[in-house]
Amino acid sequence: MNDIVRTCVLAGAVALVGCQDSPGADRVAGVGPTAAFSAGGGNTAVVTGSGHIDLDPSQTKALRRFTLSAIAHADGSVSGQYQLVVGPAQLVAHGKVTCVTKSGNRAFIGGTIDRRNFFEEFDITGVAIEVVDNGSGPGDPPDEVSSLGLYVSNPDGPQQFCDDATPGPTMPITQGDLSVR
């Protein structure tokens, strides 16, 4: 079997939910990445924001807080970082962004994981997250974010996620704002 990708979901409690032979294989077909464009300042994509998701409004233990900053520069370099904190147990994932692909109001972000306090027994080599910017106006629907995908023993997984840029399941944030430009 080729590199095994284990997709982990952080939602309320952290749970390992499955394996697949290639990243994104279980995602629905969608549009590919946007052709070259300028987001200002010589950058080709800028994704920033923070938010909260209360997966079960009756229980604060399901609260997920996240922040992210991801910039794809015109010279091909990428910068940024992310942090996710889940529930009262304060499960934390933090790392650097290594790739960003923008497709319309959607962005696909991959990176490394340099700090975590869960799944210490696994060789987590990367992360993947998808975000959707639905606008910031009073009548706009909430922005959306995917669960944090974790790659085990697959350092190429995050880049493949960005290259594929295939939309997958996302959920609305309950507080905060995401910007994809």
Protein backbone atom coordinates (compact mmCIF):
# COMPACT_ATOMS: atom_id res chain seq x y z
CA MET A 1 0.00 0.00 0.00
CA ASN A 2 1.31 3.49 -0.81
CA ASP A 3 1.72 6.11 1.90
CA ILE A 4 -1.17 5.64 4.31
CA VAL A 5 -3.08 8.76 5.18
CA ARG A 6 -4.99 8.68 8.42
CA THR A 7 -7.57 11.39 8.64
CA CYS A 8 -8.15 12.52 12.18
CA VAL A 9 -11.04 14.65 13.24
CA LEU A 10 -10.96 17.07 16.15
CA ALA A 11 -14.54 17.64 17.21
CA GLY A 12 -15.46 17.77 20.87
CA ALA A 13 -13.09 14.90 21.56
CA VAL A 14 -10.28 13.90 19.24
CA ALA A 15 -11.04 10.71 17.34
CA LEU A 16 -9.17 8.80 14.67
CA VAL A 17 -11.82 8.14 12.06
CA GLY A 18 -10.26 6.37 9.14
CA CYS A 19 -7.58 5.56 6.62
CA GLN A 20 -7.42 6.07 2.90
CA ASP A 21 -4.84 5.37 0.20
CA SER A 22 -4.69 8.93 -1.10
CA PRO A 23 -5.63 12.27 0.41
CA GLY A 24 -9.01 13.59 -0.64
CA ALA A 25 -10.19 10.25 -2.10
CA ASP A 26 -13.48 10.37 -0.23
CA ARG A 27 -14.20 13.99 -1.13
CA VAL A 28 -16.87 14.98 -3.62
CA ALA A 29 -15.74 16.31 -7.00
CA GLY A 30 -15.48 20.07 -7.24
CA VAL A 31 -13.78 22.96 -8.94
CA GLY A 32 -10.03 23.17 -9.21
CA PRO A 33 -7.79 25.99 -8.04
CA THR A 34 -8.18 29.47 -9.40
CA ALA A 35 -5.73 30.59 -12.05
CA ALA A 36 -3.07 33.12 -11.08
CA PHE A 37 -4.42 36.36 -9.66
CA SER A 38 -3.24 39.11 -7.37
CA ALA A 39 -4.59 39.55 -3.85
CA GLY A 40 -2.64 42.75 -3.40
CA GLY A 41 0.87 43.30 -2.10
CA GLY A 42 2.25 40.75 -4.58
CA ASN A 43 0.49 37.84 -2.84
CA THR A 44 -1.50 35.25 -4.77
CA ALA A 45 -3.68 34.17 -1.83
CA VAL A 46 -4.31 35.52 1.65
CA VAL A 47 -6.41 33.58 4.17
CA THR A 48 -6.90 34.96 7.66
CA GLY A 49 -9.38 34.65 10.47
CA SER A 50 -10.49 33.11 13.69
CA GLY A 51 -13.64 31.57 14.97
CA HIS A 52 -15.53 29.36 17.35
CA ILE A 53 -17.63 26.32 16.60
CA ASP A 54 -19.98 24.98 19.24
CA LEU A 55 -20.71 21.50 17.90
CA ASP A 56 -23.28 20.85 20.62
CA PRO A 57 -24.70 24.17 21.85
CA SER A 58 -25.91 22.53 25.08
CA GLN A 59 -22.37 21.52 26.11
CA THR A 60 -19.40 23.86 26.21
CA LYS A 61 -17.08 20.85 26.07
CA ALA A 62 -17.66 20.73 22.32
CA LEU A 63 -16.36 24.27 21.76
CA ARG A 64 -13.62 24.50 19.17
CA ARG A 65 -11.55 27.70 18.82
CA PHE A 66 -9.21 28.33 15.93
CA THR A 67 -7.04 31.02 14.38
CA LEU A 68 -5.17 30.94 11.10
CA SER A 69 -3.07 33.05 8.80
CA ALA A 70 -1.91 31.69 5.43
CA ILE A 71 -0.25 33.69 2.67
CA ALA A 72 0.87 32.42 -0.74
CA HIS A 73 3.41 34.95 -1.97
CA ALA A 74 3.94 35.80 -5.66
CA ASP A 75 7.46 34.32 -5.51
CA GLY A 76 6.00 30.88 -4.67
CA SER A 77 6.83 30.95 -0.96
CA VAL A 78 4.18 30.41 1.72
CA SER A 79 3.98 31.78 5.25
CA GLY A 80 1.57 31.58 8.14
CA GLN A 81 0.46 29.49 11.07
CA TYR A 82 -2.65 27.99 12.65
CA GLN A 83 -3.86 26.98 16.09
CA LEU A 84 -6.82 24.87 17.15
CA VAL A 85 -8.03 24.38 20.74
CA VAL A 86 -10.81 21.91 21.54
CA GLY A 87 -12.95 21.71 24.65
CA PRO A 88 -12.23 22.09 28.34
CA ALA A 89 -9.45 19.49 28.07
CA GLN A 90 -7.63 22.12 25.97
CA LEU A 91 -6.54 19.74 23.21
CA VAL A 92 -4.16 21.91 21.18
CA ALA A 93 -2.76 21.67 17.65
CA HIS A 94 -0.38 24.36 16.39
CA GLY A 95 1.89 24.58 13.38
CA LYS A 96 3.19 26.35 10.31
CA VAL A 97 1.41 26.70 6.98
CA THR A 98 3.31 25.13 4.06
CA CYS A 99 0.79 25.43 1.20
CA VAL A 100 -2.32 27.40 0.25
CA THR A 101 -4.64 27.01 -2.73
CA LYS A 102 -7.50 29.44 -3.37
CA SER A 103 -10.54 28.47 -5.41
CA GLY A 104 -13.16 31.23 -5.45
CA ASN A 105 -14.23 31.87 -1.85
CA ARG A 106 -12.67 28.59 -0.68
CA ALA A 107 -9.10 27.89 0.44
CA PHE A 108 -7.20 24.67 1.05
CA ILE A 109 -4.39 24.96 3.61
CA GLY A 110 -1.73 22.41 4.49
CA GLY A 111 1.01 22.54 7.06
CA THR A 112 3.21 20.99 9.67
CA ILE A 113 2.30 20.30 13.26
CA ASP A 114 4.86 21.50 15.78
CA ARG A 115 2.87 21.35 19.00
CA ARG A 116 0.07 19.06 20.13
CA ASN A 117 -1.09 17.34 23.27
CA PHE A 118 -2.94 14.39 21.76
CA PHE A 119 -2.07 11.25 19.73
CA GLU A 120 1.54 11.38 20.90
CA GLU A 121 1.91 7.74 19.83
CA PHE A 122 1.36 8.63 16.14
CA ASP A 123 3.93 10.12 13.76
CA ILE A 124 1.75 13.04 12.62
CA THR A 125 3.62 14.60 9.72
CA GLY A 126 1.12 17.20 8.53
CA VAL A 127 -2.29 18.80 8.65
CA ALA A 128 -4.97 19.94 6.22
CA ILE A 129 -7.88 22.35 6.64
CA GLU A 130 -10.43 23.82 4.25
CA VAL A 131 -12.16 27.17 4.81
CA VAL A 132 -15.03 28.95 3.06
CA ASP A 133 -15.51 32.74 3.19
CA ASN A 134 -19.23 33.43 2.77
CA GLY A 135 -18.89 37.21 3.20
CA SER A 136 -19.06 39.53 6.16
CA GLY A 137 -22.33 41.36 5.58
CA PRO A 138 -25.31 41.22 7.94
CA GLY A 139 -27.31 38.97 5.57
CA ASP A 140 -24.44 36.66 4.62
CA PRO A 141 -24.39 33.06 5.86
CA PRO A 142 -21.69 32.08 8.38
CA ASP A 143 -18.22 31.22 7.12
CA GLU A 144 -17.30 27.54 7.17
CA VAL A 145 -14.36 25.35 8.18
CA SER A 146 -13.54 21.65 7.89
CA SER A 147 -12.32 19.40 10.63
CA LEU A 148 -8.55 19.33 10.97
CA GLY A 149 -7.15 16.48 8.89
CA LEU A 150 -4.02 14.87 10.28
CA TYR A 151 -1.54 12.94 8.13
CA VAL A 152 0.30 10.06 9.75
CA SER A 153 3.67 9.08 8.22
CA ASN A 154 2.86 11.00 5.03
CA PRO A 155 4.87 14.24 4.76
CA ASP A 156 3.56 14.80 1.20
CA GLY A 157 -0.10 14.69 2.31
CA PRO A 158 -0.62 18.41 3.01
CA GLN A 159 0.86 19.46 -0.36
CA GLN A 160 -1.29 16.88 -2.17
CA PHE A 161 -4.35 18.26 -0.33
CA CYS A 162 -3.53 21.78 -1.59
CA ASP A 163 -2.75 20.54 -5.11
CA ASP A 164 -6.01 18.57 -5.36
CA ALA A 165 -8.12 21.46 -4.00
CA THR A 166 -11.21 19.24 -3.89
CA PRO A 167 -14.07 20.56 -1.73
CA GLY A 168 -15.07 18.38 1.16
CA PRO A 169 -17.43 18.62 4.14
CA THR A 170 -17.34 21.87 6.09
CA MET A 171 -19.38 23.23 8.99
CA PRO A 172 -20.49 26.79 9.77
CA ILE A 173 -18.64 28.73 12.42
CA THR A 174 -20.81 30.13 15.20
CA GLN A 175 -18.59 33.15 15.96
CA GLY A 176 -15.76 34.83 14.11
CA ASP A 177 -14.86 35.66 10.53
CA LEU A 178 -12.71 34.15 7.80
CA SER A 179 -11.27 36.06 4.87
CA VAL A 180 -10.19 34.38 1.63
CA ARG A 181 -8.78 36.78 -0.94
